[in-house]
Amino acid sequence: MENLSFEESLEKLEEIVSKLENGDVPLDDAIDEFGKAMELVKACEKKLSAAEESIAKIVQDNGEIVDFKINE
């Protein structure tokens, strides 16, 4: 499931949630679907974390990469 894009993972997660909310899923299938949903959540969290790290860096004129900080 890690090969999916963030958007694809989110779409699949929404499909699973909708299916489970409908309530017409046998218990064993619901457990399997819940497991798939948790894998998708972890994959999405991993991708969001990586994105956050990459946008929290800036490249200075000399090519040095530094953390981006907002002074308040």
N, C-alpha and C. Protein backbone atom coordinates (compact mmCIF):
# COMPACT_ATOMS: atom_id res chain seq x y z
N MET A 1 0.81 -1.21 0.00
CA MET A 1 0.00 0.00 0.00
C MET A 1 0.85 1.26 0.00
N GLU A 2 2.14 1.11 0.29
CA GLU A 2 3.01 2.28 0.28
C GLU A 2 3.30 2.76 -1.13
N ASN A 3 3.00 1.96 -2.13
CA ASN A 3 3.24 2.37 -3.51
C ASN A 3 2.18 3.34 -4.00
N LEU A 4 1.10 3.48 -3.27
CA LEU A 4 0.03 4.40 -3.65
C LEU A 4 0.42 5.83 -3.34
N SER A 5 -0.09 6.75 -4.12
CA SER A 5 0.13 8.16 -3.80
C SER A 5 -0.70 8.50 -2.56
N PHE A 6 -0.42 9.65 -1.98
CA PHE A 6 -1.18 10.08 -0.81
C PHE A 6 -2.67 10.16 -1.14
N GLU A 7 -2.97 10.72 -2.31
CA GLU A 7 -4.36 10.89 -2.71
C GLU A 7 -5.05 9.55 -2.92
N GLU A 8 -4.34 8.59 -3.52
CA GLU A 8 -4.91 7.26 -3.73
C GLU A 8 -5.15 6.56 -2.39
N SER A 9 -4.20 6.71 -1.48
CA SER A 9 -4.35 6.11 -0.15
C SER A 9 -5.55 6.70 0.58
N LEU A 10 -5.68 8.01 0.49
CA LEU A 10 -6.79 8.69 1.16
C LEU A 10 -8.12 8.25 0.56
N GLU A 11 -8.17 8.10 -0.76
CA GLU A 11 -9.39 7.66 -1.43
C GLU A 11 -9.78 6.24 -0.98
N LYS A 12 -8.79 5.35 -0.92
CA LYS A 12 -9.07 3.98 -0.48
C LYS A 12 -9.52 3.97 0.99
N LEU A 13 -8.91 4.81 1.79
CA LEU A 13 -9.30 4.91 3.20
C LEU A 13 -10.74 5.38 3.32
N GLU A 14 -11.12 6.36 2.53
CA GLU A 14 -12.50 6.86 2.54
C GLU A 14 -13.48 5.77 2.11
N GLU A 15 -13.09 4.96 1.13
CA GLU A 15 -13.95 3.85 0.68
C GLU A 15 -14.16 2.84 1.81
N ILE A 16 -13.09 2.52 2.53
CA ILE A 16 -13.18 1.55 3.62
C ILE A 16 -14.07 2.10 4.73
N VAL A 17 -13.86 3.36 5.08
CA VAL A 17 -14.68 3.99 6.14
C VAL A 17 -16.15 3.97 5.75
N SER A 18 -16.44 4.31 4.51
CA SER A 18 -17.82 4.31 4.04
C SER A 18 -18.43 2.92 4.13
N LYS A 19 -17.66 1.91 3.72
CA LYS A 19 -18.13 0.53 3.76
C LYS A 19 -18.41 0.10 5.20
N LEU A 20 -17.52 0.45 6.11
CA LEU A 20 -17.69 0.07 7.51
C LEU A 20 -18.83 0.84 8.17
N GLU A 21 -19.00 2.10 7.80
CA GLU A 21 -20.10 2.88 8.35
C GLU A 21 -21.45 2.36 7.90
N ASN A 22 -21.48 1.79 6.70
CA ASN A 22 -22.72 1.24 6.16
C ASN A 22 -23.24 0.10 7.04
N GLY A 23 -22.31 -0.65 7.62
CA GLY A 23 -22.70 -1.70 8.56
C GLY A 23 -23.10 -3.02 7.94
N ASP A 24 -23.00 -3.16 6.63
CA ASP A 24 -23.39 -4.40 5.97
C ASP A 24 -22.22 -5.34 5.74
N VAL A 25 -21.16 -5.19 6.52
CA VAL A 25 -19.95 -5.99 6.33
C VAL A 25 -19.89 -7.05 7.43
N PRO A 26 -19.72 -8.32 7.05
CA PRO A 26 -19.56 -9.36 8.08
C PRO A 26 -18.37 -9.03 8.98
N LEU A 27 -18.41 -9.50 10.20
CA LEU A 27 -17.40 -9.16 11.20
C LEU A 27 -15.98 -9.47 10.73
N ASP A 28 -15.75 -10.66 10.18
CA ASP A 28 -14.41 -11.02 9.72
C ASP A 28 -13.92 -10.06 8.64
N ASP A 29 -14.80 -9.70 7.72
CA ASP A 29 -14.44 -8.76 6.67
C ASP A 29 -14.17 -7.36 7.25
N ALA A 30 -14.98 -6.99 8.24
CA ALA A 30 -14.80 -5.68 8.88
C ALA A 30 -13.44 -5.61 9.57
N ILE A 31 -13.03 -6.69 10.20
CA ILE A 31 -11.72 -6.72 10.86
C ILE A 31 -10.61 -6.59 9.82
N ASP A 32 -10.74 -7.31 8.71
CA ASP A 32 -9.75 -7.21 7.63
C ASP A 32 -9.69 -5.78 7.06
N GLU A 33 -10.86 -5.21 6.84
CA GLU A 33 -10.93 -3.85 6.30
C GLU A 33 -10.32 -2.85 7.27
N PHE A 34 -10.57 -3.06 8.57
CA PHE A 34 -10.01 -2.17 9.58
C PHE A 34 -8.48 -2.25 9.55
N GLY A 35 -7.94 -3.46 9.40
CA GLY A 35 -6.49 -3.64 9.30
C GLY A 35 -5.93 -2.91 8.09
N LYS A 36 -6.61 -3.00 6.95
CA LYS A 36 -6.18 -2.29 5.75
C LYS A 36 -6.23 -0.78 5.98
N ALA A 37 -7.27 -0.34 6.66
CA ALA A 37 -7.42 1.09 6.94
C ALA A 37 -6.26 1.59 7.81
N MET A 38 -5.87 0.82 8.80
CA MET A 38 -4.77 1.22 9.67
C MET A 38 -3.46 1.29 8.89
N GLU A 39 -3.25 0.37 7.95
CA GLU A 39 -2.05 0.43 7.10
C GLU A 39 -2.06 1.69 6.25
N LEU A 40 -3.23 2.03 5.72
CA LEU A 40 -3.36 3.25 4.91
C LEU A 40 -3.10 4.49 5.75
N VAL A 41 -3.61 4.51 6.97
CA VAL A 41 -3.39 5.65 7.87
C VAL A 41 -1.89 5.82 8.13
N LYS A 42 -1.21 4.70 8.42
CA LYS A 42 0.23 4.77 8.67
C LYS A 42 0.98 5.28 7.45
N ALA A 43 0.60 4.80 6.26
CA ALA A 43 1.25 5.24 5.03
C ALA A 43 1.01 6.74 4.80
N CYS A 44 -0.21 7.20 5.05
CA CYS A 44 -0.51 8.63 4.89
C CYS A 44 0.27 9.47 5.89
N GLU A 45 0.34 9.01 7.13
CA GLU A 45 1.10 9.75 8.14
C GLU A 45 2.58 9.84 7.76
N LYS A 46 3.11 8.74 7.23
CA LYS A 46 4.52 8.71 6.82
C LYS A 46 4.76 9.71 5.69
N LYS A 47 3.85 9.75 4.72
CA LYS A 47 4.00 10.66 3.59
C LYS A 47 3.84 12.11 4.03
N LEU A 48 2.91 12.38 4.93
CA LEU A 48 2.73 13.74 5.43
C LEU A 48 3.95 14.20 6.22
N SER A 49 4.51 13.30 7.01
CA SER A 49 5.69 13.62 7.80
C SER A 49 6.87 13.94 6.88
N ALA A 50 7.04 13.15 5.84
CA ALA A 50 8.13 13.39 4.88
C ALA A 50 7.92 14.72 4.16
N ALA A 51 6.70 15.01 3.81
CA ALA A 51 6.40 16.28 3.13
C ALA A 51 6.67 17.45 4.07
N GLU A 52 6.28 17.30 5.32
CA GLU A 52 6.50 18.37 6.30
C GLU A 52 7.99 18.63 6.48
N GLU A 53 8.79 17.56 6.54
CA GLU A 53 10.23 17.72 6.69
C GLU A 53 10.83 18.44 5.48
N SER A 54 10.38 18.08 4.29
CA SER A 54 10.97 18.66 3.09
C SER A 54 10.58 20.13 2.92
N ILE A 55 9.39 20.51 3.34
CA ILE A 55 9.02 21.93 3.18
C ILE A 55 9.48 22.77 4.36
N ALA A 56 9.97 22.11 5.42
CA ALA A 56 10.48 22.84 6.57
C ALA A 56 11.94 23.21 6.38
N LYS A 57 12.49 22.96 5.20
CA LYS A 57 13.88 23.28 4.90
C LYS A 57 13.92 24.33 3.80
N ILE A 58 14.91 25.18 3.86
CA ILE A 58 15.13 26.13 2.78
C ILE A 58 16.59 26.04 2.35
N VAL A 59 16.82 26.35 1.12
CA VAL A 59 18.18 26.34 0.59
C VAL A 59 18.65 27.78 0.52
N GLN A 60 19.77 28.04 1.18
CA GLN A 60 20.32 29.38 1.16
C GLN A 60 21.10 29.60 -0.14
N ASP A 61 21.49 30.83 -0.37
CA ASP A 61 22.21 31.19 -1.60
C ASP A 61 23.48 30.35 -1.80
N ASN A 62 24.12 29.96 -0.71
CA ASN A 62 25.36 29.18 -0.82
C ASN A 62 25.09 27.69 -0.98
N GLY A 63 23.81 27.28 -1.08
CA GLY A 63 23.45 25.88 -1.27
C GLY A 63 23.25 25.12 0.03
N GLU A 64 23.49 25.79 1.15
CA GLU A 64 23.30 25.14 2.45
C GLU A 64 21.81 24.99 2.75
N ILE A 65 21.44 23.82 3.25
CA ILE A 65 20.05 23.58 3.62
C ILE A 65 19.91 23.82 5.11
N VAL A 66 18.95 24.67 5.47
CA VAL A 66 18.72 24.99 6.87
C VAL A 66 17.24 24.84 7.19
N ASP A 67 16.95 24.66 8.49
CA ASP A 67 15.56 24.58 8.92
C ASP A 67 14.88 25.92 8.73
N PHE A 68 13.64 25.88 8.27
CA PHE A 68 12.83 27.08 8.09
C PHE A 68 12.17 27.41 9.41
N LYS A 69 12.38 28.62 9.89
CA LYS A 69 11.79 29.04 11.16
C LYS A 69 11.14 30.39 10.97
N ILE A 70 9.98 30.53 11.57
CA ILE A 70 9.28 31.81 11.54
C ILE A 70 9.51 32.49 12.89
N ASN A 71 10.05 33.67 12.87
CA ASN A 71 10.24 34.42 14.10
C ASN A 71 8.96 35.18 14.43
N GLU A 72 8.44 34.89 15.59
CA GLU A 72 7.20 35.57 15.99
C GLU A 72 7.47 36.61 17.03
